[in-house]
N, C-alpha and C. Protein backbone atom coordinates (compact mmCIF):
# COMPACT_ATOMS: atom_id res chain seq x y z
N MET A 1 -0.24 -66.88 -59.92
CA MET A 1 1.26 -66.57 -59.92
C MET A 1 1.23 -68.20 -59.27
N MET A 2 0.87 -69.33 -58.86
CA MET A 2 1.60 -70.53 -58.58
C MET A 2 1.99 -71.06 -59.73
N ASN A 3 1.96 -70.30 -60.89
CA ASN A 3 2.50 -71.09 -62.23
C ASN A 3 4.07 -70.87 -62.01
N ILE A 4 4.04 -68.95 -61.59
CA ILE A 4 5.71 -68.82 -61.24
C ILE A 4 6.59 -69.08 -60.47
N TYR A 5 5.87 -69.69 -59.26
CA TYR A 5 6.61 -70.44 -58.13
C TYR A 5 7.19 -71.45 -59.01
N ALA A 6 6.48 -72.42 -59.67
CA ALA A 6 6.86 -73.56 -60.25
C ALA A 6 8.10 -73.63 -61.29
N LEU A 7 7.72 -71.96 -62.24
CA LEU A 7 9.15 -71.70 -62.82
C LEU A 7 10.42 -71.38 -62.06
N ILE A 8 9.58 -70.58 -60.82
CA ILE A 8 11.31 -70.55 -60.29
C ILE A 8 12.28 -71.67 -59.91
N ASP A 9 11.05 -72.50 -59.27
CA ASP A 9 11.58 -73.80 -58.97
C ASP A 9 12.47 -74.59 -59.70
N TYR A 10 12.52 -74.32 -60.73
CA TYR A 10 13.55 -74.58 -61.68
C TYR A 10 14.23 -73.78 -62.42
N MET A 11 14.29 -72.99 -62.34
CA MET A 11 14.95 -71.74 -62.81
C MET A 11 16.22 -72.02 -62.10
N PRO A 12 17.11 -72.05 -60.94
CA PRO A 12 18.55 -72.41 -60.45
C PRO A 12 19.14 -73.71 -61.15
N ILE A 13 18.23 -74.42 -61.65
CA ILE A 13 19.15 -75.77 -62.85
C ILE A 13 19.32 -75.74 -63.77
N ALA A 14 18.42 -74.45 -64.33
CA ALA A 14 18.71 -73.84 -66.04
C ALA A 14 19.86 -73.13 -66.05
N PHE A 15 20.29 -72.38 -65.00
CA PHE A 15 20.76 -71.23 -64.32
C PHE A 15 22.56 -72.00 -63.98
N VAL A 16 22.14 -73.29 -63.85
CA VAL A 16 23.89 -74.09 -63.59
C VAL A 16 23.68 -74.63 -64.36
N ILE A 17 23.16 -74.98 -65.22
CA ILE A 17 23.30 -75.72 -66.32
C ILE A 17 24.05 -75.07 -67.90
N ILE A 18 24.12 -73.44 -68.05
CA ILE A 18 24.37 -72.28 -68.74
C ILE A 18 25.58 -71.93 -67.72
N GLY A 19 25.60 -71.63 -66.42
CA GLY A 19 26.74 -71.40 -66.14
C GLY A 19 28.03 -72.96 -66.65
N LEU A 20 27.28 -74.23 -66.47
CA LEU A 20 28.40 -75.36 -66.89
C LEU A 20 28.92 -75.13 -67.97
N CYS A 21 27.91 -74.75 -68.52
CA CYS A 21 27.97 -74.54 -70.67
C CYS A 21 29.46 -73.58 -70.75
N MET A 22 28.93 -72.70 -69.97
CA MET A 22 29.79 -71.48 -70.00
C MET A 22 31.15 -71.44 -69.31
N THR A 23 31.85 -73.03 -68.54
CA THR A 23 32.99 -72.38 -67.60
C THR A 23 33.59 -74.09 -68.05
N TRP A 24 32.88 -75.23 -69.04
CA TRP A 24 33.63 -76.58 -69.14
C TRP A 24 35.37 -76.34 -68.88
N LYS A 25 35.73 -75.55 -70.06
CA LYS A 25 36.80 -75.62 -70.14
C LYS A 25 37.77 -75.12 -68.25
N THR A 26 37.15 -74.70 -67.26
CA THR A 26 37.46 -73.81 -66.21
C THR A 26 37.38 -75.27 -64.90
N ALA A 27 38.41 -76.01 -64.93
CA ALA A 27 38.32 -77.10 -64.02
C ALA A 27 37.55 -76.97 -62.79
N SER A 28 37.99 -75.75 -61.73
CA SER A 28 37.45 -75.82 -60.91
C SER A 28 35.79 -74.87 -60.77
N ALA A 29 35.31 -74.10 -61.38
CA ALA A 29 34.19 -73.78 -61.91
C ALA A 29 33.22 -75.11 -62.61
N ARG A 30 33.98 -75.98 -63.14
CA ARG A 30 32.88 -77.71 -63.59
C ARG A 30 32.43 -78.31 -62.74
N TRP A 31 33.20 -77.95 -61.80
CA TRP A 31 33.34 -78.98 -60.65
C TRP A 31 32.27 -78.38 -59.18
N PHE A 32 32.22 -77.19 -59.69
CA PHE A 32 31.42 -76.40 -58.40
C PHE A 32 30.13 -76.54 -59.51
N PHE A 33 29.92 -76.16 -60.85
CA PHE A 33 28.30 -76.01 -60.84
C PHE A 33 28.12 -77.91 -61.44
N ILE A 34 29.15 -78.68 -61.17
CA ILE A 34 28.29 -80.19 -61.51
C ILE A 34 28.15 -81.00 -60.30
N PHE A 35 28.34 -80.40 -58.63
CA PHE A 35 28.22 -80.44 -57.42
C PHE A 35 27.16 -80.06 -57.48
N TYR A 36 26.54 -78.62 -57.63
CA TYR A 36 24.94 -78.27 -57.45
C TYR A 36 24.34 -78.77 -58.31
N LEU A 37 24.79 -78.65 -59.37
CA LEU A 37 23.81 -79.70 -60.33
C LEU A 37 23.20 -81.06 -59.96
N ILE A 38 23.94 -81.75 -59.39
CA ILE A 38 23.02 -82.94 -58.50
C ILE A 38 22.68 -82.79 -57.24
N ILE A 39 23.00 -82.14 -56.64
CA ILE A 39 22.24 -81.56 -55.39
C ILE A 39 21.24 -80.87 -55.69
N GLU A 40 21.14 -79.91 -56.80
CA GLU A 40 20.04 -79.16 -57.42
C GLU A 40 18.78 -80.37 -57.85
N ILE A 41 19.10 -81.45 -58.67
CA ILE A 41 18.51 -82.51 -58.91
C ILE A 41 17.91 -83.57 -58.17
N LEU A 42 18.63 -83.60 -56.56
CA LEU A 42 18.24 -84.33 -55.64
C LEU A 42 16.72 -83.57 -54.75
N GLY A 43 16.99 -82.91 -54.97
CA GLY A 43 16.34 -81.18 -54.43
C GLY A 43 14.84 -81.29 -54.96
N LEU A 44 14.87 -81.56 -56.31
CA LEU A 44 13.95 -81.35 -57.40
C LEU A 44 13.00 -82.72 -57.15
N ALA A 45 13.52 -83.45 -57.55
CA ALA A 45 12.93 -85.20 -57.18
C ALA A 45 12.62 -85.46 -55.94
N MET A 46 12.65 -84.62 -54.53
CA MET A 46 11.88 -84.76 -53.69
C MET A 46 11.00 -84.04 -53.15
N THR A 47 11.18 -83.29 -54.25
CA THR A 47 9.66 -82.05 -53.74
C THR A 47 8.02 -82.61 -54.26
N ASP A 48 8.31 -83.35 -54.99
CA ASP A 48 6.79 -84.11 -54.72
C ASP A 48 6.11 -84.61 -53.76
N ILE A 49 7.03 -85.70 -53.06
CA ILE A 49 7.23 -86.30 -51.63
C ILE A 49 6.50 -85.03 -50.73
N VAL A 50 7.37 -84.41 -50.63
CA VAL A 50 8.04 -83.53 -49.23
C VAL A 50 6.92 -82.07 -49.51
N LEU A 51 5.99 -82.03 -50.34
CA LEU A 51 4.86 -81.45 -51.27
C LEU A 51 3.71 -81.95 -50.00
N GLN A 52 3.63 -82.94 -49.83
CA GLN A 52 2.93 -83.97 -48.91
C GLN A 52 2.32 -83.73 -47.59
N TRP A 53 4.21 -83.57 -47.07
CA TRP A 53 4.28 -83.12 -45.78
C TRP A 53 3.56 -82.19 -44.63
N ASN A 54 2.69 -81.11 -45.69
CA ASN A 54 2.37 -79.22 -45.23
C ASN A 54 3.33 -79.68 -44.13
N THR A 55 2.78 -79.26 -42.64
CA THR A 55 3.94 -79.13 -41.26
C THR A 55 5.03 -79.39 -41.41
N HIS A 56 6.00 -79.96 -41.78
CA HIS A 56 7.39 -80.29 -41.57
C HIS A 56 7.99 -79.93 -43.65
N PHE A 57 6.97 -79.61 -44.30
CA PHE A 57 7.61 -79.36 -45.60
C PHE A 57 8.58 -78.39 -45.52
N TYR A 58 8.28 -77.26 -44.08
CA TYR A 58 8.97 -75.87 -44.43
C TYR A 58 10.62 -76.27 -43.47
N ILE A 59 10.73 -77.66 -42.76
CA ILE A 59 12.00 -78.00 -42.09
C ILE A 59 12.41 -79.08 -43.19
N TYR A 60 12.25 -79.02 -44.10
CA TYR A 60 12.72 -80.08 -44.84
C TYR A 60 13.71 -78.93 -45.77
N CYS A 61 12.31 -77.84 -45.68
CA CYS A 61 13.24 -77.22 -46.96
C CYS A 61 14.20 -76.48 -46.37
N VAL A 62 14.93 -75.95 -45.19
CA VAL A 62 15.78 -76.12 -43.68
C VAL A 62 17.00 -76.79 -43.94
N PHE A 63 16.40 -78.10 -44.41
CA PHE A 63 17.57 -79.17 -44.55
C PHE A 63 17.89 -78.98 -45.97
N ILE A 64 17.44 -78.92 -46.87
CA ILE A 64 17.57 -78.92 -48.19
C ILE A 64 18.62 -77.99 -48.41
N SER A 65 17.95 -77.02 -48.02
CA SER A 65 19.31 -75.25 -48.28
C SER A 65 20.36 -75.60 -47.41
N LEU A 66 20.07 -76.52 -46.52
CA LEU A 66 21.78 -76.30 -45.90
C LEU A 66 22.72 -77.49 -47.05
N VAL A 67 21.59 -78.68 -47.34
CA VAL A 67 22.25 -79.48 -48.18
C VAL A 67 23.25 -78.22 -49.22
N PHE A 68 22.46 -77.40 -49.69
CA PHE A 68 22.60 -76.58 -51.04
C PHE A 68 24.20 -75.96 -50.30
N LEU A 69 24.62 -75.85 -49.14
CA LEU A 69 25.72 -75.41 -49.19
C LEU A 69 26.78 -76.38 -49.40
N LEU A 70 26.69 -77.37 -49.41
CA LEU A 70 28.01 -78.73 -49.60
C LEU A 70 28.89 -78.59 -50.94
N PRO A 71 27.98 -77.67 -51.94
CA PRO A 71 28.65 -77.89 -53.09
C PRO A 71 30.00 -76.52 -52.72
N VAL A 72 29.39 -76.02 -52.14
CA VAL A 72 30.42 -74.31 -51.44
C VAL A 72 31.53 -74.89 -50.37
N VAL A 73 30.77 -75.34 -49.33
CA VAL A 73 31.46 -75.13 -48.59
C VAL A 73 33.09 -76.99 -48.32
N TYR A 74 32.49 -78.27 -49.18
CA TYR A 74 32.73 -79.52 -49.24
C TYR A 74 33.33 -79.77 -50.19
N ARG A 75 33.36 -78.94 -51.71
CA ARG A 75 33.88 -79.24 -52.77
C ARG A 75 35.40 -79.94 -52.65
N LYS A 76 35.95 -78.97 -52.05
CA LYS A 76 37.51 -79.00 -52.77
C LYS A 76 37.97 -80.01 -51.41
N ARG A 77 37.47 -80.05 -50.08
CA ARG A 77 38.04 -81.96 -49.52
C ARG A 77 37.23 -82.83 -50.15
N LEU A 78 36.22 -82.42 -50.88
CA LEU A 78 35.42 -84.16 -51.83
C LEU A 78 36.85 -84.52 -52.89
N ALA A 79 36.84 -82.99 -53.61
CA ALA A 79 37.98 -82.89 -54.13
C ALA A 79 39.37 -84.29 -53.93
N ILE A 80 40.13 -83.59 -52.40
CA ILE A 80 40.89 -84.37 -52.26
C ILE A 80 40.59 -86.10 -51.86
N TRP A 81 39.54 -85.85 -51.24
CA TRP A 81 39.18 -87.21 -50.84
C TRP A 81 38.92 -87.93 -52.47
N LEU A 82 38.27 -87.75 -53.56
CA LEU A 82 38.91 -88.42 -54.75
C LEU A 82 39.97 -88.46 -55.33
N TYR A 83 40.26 -87.08 -55.23
CA TYR A 83 42.04 -86.98 -56.14
C TYR A 83 42.78 -88.63 -55.13
N SER A 84 42.40 -89.08 -54.11
CA SER A 84 43.57 -89.23 -53.40
C SER A 84 43.11 -90.94 -53.45
N LYS A 85 41.74 -91.29 -54.00
CA LYS A 85 41.36 -92.84 -53.91
C LYS A 85 41.42 -92.79 -55.31
N THR A 86 41.22 -92.08 -56.56
CA THR A 86 41.54 -92.33 -57.58
C THR A 86 42.36 -92.15 -58.55
N GLY A 87 42.83 -90.69 -57.60
CA GLY A 87 44.01 -90.36 -58.49
C GLY A 87 44.42 -89.81 -59.61
N TYR A 88 42.85 -89.38 -60.44
CA TYR A 88 42.44 -88.36 -61.43
C TYR A 88 42.68 -87.38 -61.22
N GLU A 89 43.59 -87.17 -62.05
CA GLU A 89 44.36 -85.15 -62.55
C GLU A 89 43.28 -84.45 -62.47
N TYR A 90 42.42 -84.69 -62.88
CA TYR A 90 41.35 -83.53 -62.87
C TYR A 90 40.76 -82.82 -61.79
N PHE A 91 40.70 -83.97 -60.07
CA PHE A 91 40.94 -83.68 -59.40
C PHE A 91 42.03 -83.02 -58.72
N ASN A 92 43.14 -83.39 -59.16
CA ASN A 92 44.26 -82.79 -58.97
C ASN A 92 44.48 -80.98 -58.99
N ASN A 93 43.64 -80.70 -60.21
CA ASN A 93 43.67 -79.58 -61.06
C ASN A 93 42.19 -78.62 -60.41
N VAL A 94 41.70 -79.25 -60.17
CA VAL A 94 40.67 -78.53 -58.94
C VAL A 94 41.31 -78.40 -57.60
N ILE A 95 41.50 -79.01 -56.99
CA ILE A 95 42.40 -78.56 -55.94
C ILE A 95 43.34 -77.29 -55.94
N GLN A 96 44.04 -77.81 -57.22
CA GLN A 96 45.03 -76.22 -56.99
C GLN A 96 44.29 -75.13 -57.38
N THR A 97 43.24 -75.26 -58.10
CA THR A 97 42.23 -73.92 -58.86
C THR A 97 41.81 -73.33 -57.51
N HIS A 98 41.29 -74.30 -57.03
CA HIS A 98 39.80 -73.62 -56.09
C HIS A 98 40.40 -72.40 -55.35
N ARG A 99 39.82 -71.68 -55.18
CA ARG A 99 39.65 -70.17 -54.33
C ARG A 99 37.96 -69.96 -53.90
N PHE A 100 38.35 -69.49 -52.45
CA PHE A 100 36.92 -69.14 -52.05
C PHE A 100 36.88 -67.45 -52.68
N VAL A 101 35.34 -67.58 -53.56
CA VAL A 101 35.05 -66.08 -54.38
C VAL A 101 33.87 -65.59 -53.66
N PRO A 102 33.87 -64.07 -54.00
CA PRO A 102 32.84 -63.88 -53.25
C PRO A 102 30.84 -63.99 -53.83
N GLN A 103 31.29 -64.71 -54.96
CA GLN A 103 29.83 -65.23 -55.40
C GLN A 103 29.64 -66.47 -54.12
N GLU A 104 30.33 -67.08 -53.58
CA GLU A 104 30.27 -68.32 -52.85
C GLU A 104 29.97 -67.62 -51.42
N ALA A 105 30.40 -66.66 -51.46
CA ALA A 105 30.23 -65.93 -50.12
C ALA A 105 28.22 -65.26 -50.05
N GLY A 106 28.45 -64.68 -51.21
CA GLY A 106 26.93 -64.27 -51.49
C GLY A 106 25.82 -65.51 -51.43
N ILE A 107 25.75 -66.84 -52.15
CA ILE A 107 25.20 -68.21 -52.28
C ILE A 107 25.43 -68.56 -50.63
N ILE A 108 25.82 -68.24 -49.85
CA ILE A 108 26.22 -68.81 -48.57
C ILE A 108 25.31 -68.38 -47.63
N CYS A 109 25.65 -66.56 -48.03
CA CYS A 109 24.53 -65.49 -47.29
C CYS A 109 22.93 -65.45 -47.49
N ILE A 110 22.54 -65.94 -49.02
CA ILE A 110 21.22 -65.93 -49.43
C ILE A 110 20.70 -67.41 -48.96
N ILE A 111 21.29 -68.84 -48.47
CA ILE A 111 21.07 -69.73 -48.50
C ILE A 111 20.63 -69.77 -46.32
N LEU A 112 22.02 -69.15 -45.94
CA LEU A 112 21.08 -69.21 -44.74
C LEU A 112 20.43 -67.74 -44.52
N LEU A 113 19.54 -67.33 -45.19
CA LEU A 113 18.75 -66.24 -45.09
C LEU A 113 16.99 -66.82 -45.25
N LEU A 114 17.32 -68.11 -46.22
CA LEU A 114 16.77 -68.98 -46.75
C LEU A 114 15.94 -69.66 -45.50
N CYS A 115 17.06 -70.67 -44.98
CA CYS A 115 17.21 -71.84 -44.11
C CYS A 115 16.11 -70.77 -42.29
N LEU A 116 16.81 -69.24 -42.39
CA LEU A 116 16.08 -68.23 -41.24
C LEU A 116 14.50 -68.78 -41.60
N VAL A 117 14.28 -68.05 -42.55
CA VAL A 117 13.04 -68.01 -43.30
C VAL A 117 12.13 -68.80 -43.14
N ASN A 118 12.38 -70.46 -43.62
CA ASN A 118 12.05 -71.42 -43.95
C ASN A 118 11.72 -72.48 -42.24
N PHE A 119 12.97 -71.77 -41.74
CA PHE A 119 12.37 -72.82 -39.90
C PHE A 119 12.06 -71.37 -38.98
N ALA A 120 11.40 -70.22 -39.48
CA ALA A 120 10.81 -68.92 -38.53
C ALA A 120 9.53 -69.50 -39.24
N THR A 121 8.33 -70.28 -40.40
CA THR A 121 7.68 -70.33 -41.00
C THR A 121 7.26 -71.85 -40.47
N TRP A 122 8.54 -72.78 -40.23
CA TRP A 122 7.94 -73.82 -39.83
C TRP A 122 7.76 -73.54 -38.58
N ILE A 123 8.13 -73.14 -37.23
CA ILE A 123 8.12 -72.33 -36.17
C ILE A 123 6.69 -71.92 -35.41
N GLU A 124 6.40 -71.14 -36.97
CA GLU A 124 5.64 -70.17 -36.97
C GLU A 124 3.68 -71.37 -37.29
N VAL A 125 4.04 -72.54 -38.35
CA VAL A 125 2.99 -73.30 -38.81
C VAL A 125 2.48 -74.63 -37.63
N LEU A 126 3.85 -74.64 -37.32
CA LEU A 126 3.41 -75.31 -35.79
C LEU A 126 2.27 -74.82 -34.30
N LEU A 127 2.78 -73.50 -34.64
CA LEU A 127 2.28 -72.48 -33.52
C LEU A 127 0.69 -72.55 -33.94
N TYR A 128 0.42 -72.47 -35.62
CA TYR A 128 -0.58 -71.91 -35.80
C TYR A 128 -1.65 -73.94 -35.61
N LYS A 129 -0.89 -74.30 -36.31
CA LYS A 129 -1.47 -75.57 -35.82
C LYS A 129 -2.04 -76.16 -34.71
N TYR A 130 -1.54 -75.84 -33.58
CA TYR A 130 -1.65 -76.35 -32.21
C TYR A 130 -2.02 -75.35 -31.61
N SER A 131 -3.18 -74.30 -32.48
CA SER A 131 -3.72 -73.10 -31.90
C SER A 131 -3.18 -72.11 -31.28
N PHE A 132 -2.06 -71.70 -31.04
CA PHE A 132 -1.28 -70.62 -30.19
C PHE A 132 -1.52 -69.29 -31.08
N LEU A 133 -1.52 -69.29 -32.45
CA LEU A 133 -1.31 -68.05 -33.56
C LEU A 133 -2.98 -68.60 -34.04
N SER A 134 -3.22 -67.35 -34.18
CA SER A 134 -4.58 -67.13 -34.91
C SER A 134 -4.49 -67.28 -36.28
N THR A 135 -3.18 -67.03 -36.66
CA THR A 135 -2.43 -66.64 -38.94
C THR A 135 -1.61 -67.00 -38.25
N ALA A 136 -1.29 -66.97 -39.99
CA ALA A 136 0.18 -67.53 -39.92
C ALA A 136 1.24 -66.32 -41.06
N PRO A 137 1.07 -64.90 -40.16
CA PRO A 137 2.23 -64.32 -41.48
C PRO A 137 2.78 -64.64 -42.08
N ILE A 138 4.15 -64.84 -41.91
CA ILE A 138 5.18 -65.18 -42.13
C ILE A 138 5.18 -66.70 -43.06
N LYS A 139 3.88 -67.33 -42.96
CA LYS A 139 4.21 -68.39 -44.33
C LYS A 139 2.94 -67.86 -45.49
N LEU A 140 2.06 -66.85 -44.40
CA LEU A 140 0.95 -66.10 -45.92
C LEU A 140 1.52 -65.08 -46.53
N PHE A 141 2.77 -64.34 -46.40
CA PHE A 141 3.22 -63.10 -47.12
C PHE A 141 4.76 -62.61 -47.07
N ILE A 142 5.42 -63.92 -46.03
CA ILE A 142 6.50 -63.05 -46.50
C ILE A 142 7.19 -64.43 -47.02
N ARG A 143 7.17 -65.50 -46.47
CA ARG A 143 8.17 -66.96 -47.18
C ARG A 143 8.25 -66.99 -48.41
N ASP A 144 7.04 -67.62 -48.73
CA ASP A 144 7.22 -67.38 -50.59
C ASP A 144 8.01 -66.16 -51.46
N ASN A 145 7.61 -64.87 -51.05
CA ASN A 145 8.30 -63.65 -51.84
C ASN A 145 9.70 -63.93 -52.04
N THR A 146 10.04 -64.55 -49.98
CA THR A 146 11.69 -64.42 -49.59
C THR A 146 12.33 -65.64 -50.34
N VAL A 147 11.65 -66.77 -50.70
CA VAL A 147 12.27 -68.15 -51.56
C VAL A 147 12.35 -67.82 -53.59
N PHE A 148 11.17 -67.22 -53.48
CA PHE A 148 11.74 -66.64 -55.00
C PHE A 148 12.82 -65.45 -54.58
N LEU A 149 12.81 -64.26 -53.96
CA LEU A 149 13.69 -63.54 -54.29
C LEU A 149 15.05 -64.11 -54.20
N GLY A 150 15.42 -65.31 -53.14
CA GLY A 150 16.68 -66.14 -52.91
C GLY A 150 17.10 -66.88 -54.15
N LYS A 151 16.09 -67.68 -54.48
CA LYS A 151 15.98 -68.48 -56.15
C LYS A 151 16.56 -67.48 -57.40
N VAL A 152 16.24 -66.44 -57.46
CA VAL A 152 16.18 -65.73 -58.38
C VAL A 152 17.69 -64.65 -57.93
N MET A 153 18.46 -64.75 -56.71
CA MET A 153 19.60 -64.31 -56.26
C MET A 153 20.77 -64.93 -56.65
N ILE A 154 20.20 -66.11 -56.00
CA ILE A 154 21.44 -67.50 -56.49
C ILE A 154 21.63 -67.36 -57.68
N SER A 155 21.03 -67.77 -59.04
CA SER A 155 20.45 -68.16 -59.96
C SER A 155 21.40 -66.93 -61.10
N VAL A 156 21.60 -65.49 -60.71
CA VAL A 156 21.99 -65.06 -61.10
C VAL A 156 23.47 -64.27 -60.25
N THR A 157 23.78 -64.92 -59.21
CA THR A 157 24.88 -65.16 -58.68
C THR A 157 25.83 -66.52 -59.09
N MET A 158 25.07 -67.29 -59.77
CA MET A 158 25.70 -68.42 -60.30
C MET A 158 26.08 -68.19 -61.98
N LEU A 159 25.80 -66.87 -62.60
CA LEU A 159 26.07 -66.64 -63.84
C LEU A 159 26.85 -66.07 -63.51
N SER A 160 27.01 -64.56 -62.75
CA SER A 160 28.14 -64.04 -61.97
C SER A 160 29.57 -64.82 -61.71
N TYR A 161 29.50 -65.89 -60.97
CA TYR A 161 30.32 -67.24 -61.02
C TYR A 161 30.87 -67.66 -62.38
N ALA A 162 30.17 -68.11 -62.76
CA ALA A 162 30.54 -68.45 -64.38
C ALA A 162 31.41 -67.73 -65.27
N SER A 163 30.39 -66.28 -64.83
CA SER A 163 31.38 -64.83 -66.45
C SER A 163 32.72 -64.76 -65.80
N ARG A 164 33.04 -64.63 -64.20
CA ARG A 164 34.04 -64.54 -63.72
C ARG A 164 35.98 -66.12 -63.81
N ALA A 165 34.79 -67.08 -63.87
CA ALA A 165 35.32 -68.45 -63.80
C ALA A 165 36.93 -68.12 -64.49
N LYS A 166 37.01 -68.22 -65.88
CA LYS A 166 38.10 -68.41 -66.59
C LYS A 166 39.15 -67.12 -66.19
N PHE A 167 38.36 -66.20 -65.91
CA PHE A 167 39.90 -64.79 -65.27
C PHE A 167 40.46 -65.57 -63.97
N ARG A 168 38.99 -66.39 -62.76
CA ARG A 168 40.35 -66.17 -61.63
C ARG A 168 40.91 -67.46 -62.12
N GLU A 169 40.81 -68.63 -62.75
CA GLU A 169 41.44 -69.43 -62.81
C GLU A 169 42.87 -69.31 -63.66
N LYS A 170 42.83 -67.86 -64.68
CA LYS A 170 43.82 -67.58 -65.30
C LYS A 170 44.72 -66.17 -64.26
N PHE A 171 44.64 -66.23 -63.46
CA PHE A 171 45.00 -65.29 -62.16
C PHE A 171 45.89 -66.33 -60.97
N ILE A 172 44.86 -67.81 -61.13
CA ILE A 172 45.50 -68.19 -59.81
C ILE A 172 46.80 -69.03 -60.77
N HIS A 173 46.70 -69.33 -61.94
CA HIS A 173 47.70 -70.11 -63.00
C HIS A 173 48.75 -69.12 -62.65
N ASP A 174 49.09 -67.71 -63.10
CA ASP A 174 49.49 -66.37 -63.31
C ASP A 174 50.06 -66.59 -61.42
N GLU A 175 49.55 -66.57 -60.66
CA GLU A 175 49.99 -66.51 -59.40
C GLU A 175 50.65 -67.66 -58.91
N ASN A 176 50.86 -68.86 -59.16
CA ASN A 176 51.15 -69.88 -58.91
C ASN A 176 52.86 -70.27 -59.85
N CYS A 177 52.69 -69.30 -61.38
CA CYS A 177 54.49 -69.75 -61.56
C CYS A 177 55.39 -68.65 -61.10
């Protein structure tokens, strides 16, 4: 069963790459997927180190989940900053075509749920470590399955985002004309 969890850790990166290929000609979506891919790679690069932390692994999971909100929440601001510094027209195009969409709201909700579960697990593990609890049911029965489901849902949401990107950009272009 542990092999499927290892596979699920890499699943979002595969779906992000698929989404990037699907939306390569759509500036705003491409920017979203590139930004998300960078953070996904950084998160995976830290995994081996953080797994050795045992108790505090779960607070790291809260932190990295919040970092995954950056592409959703701050990518337009980053594009504005990069455009002001470089003058590169691509970033202006991203700024003009960016709209907050339901898939992004879904990603935010899923990530916040994962933060809540990981934070509760961290508190529970601390209480267990210092003998305030005799067992850790959230860690043993809820956390891994919730993270599994959350990563699957984020991956599917990424595909949904990618499949609607071209339509959204065309709609925004027609709206601006």
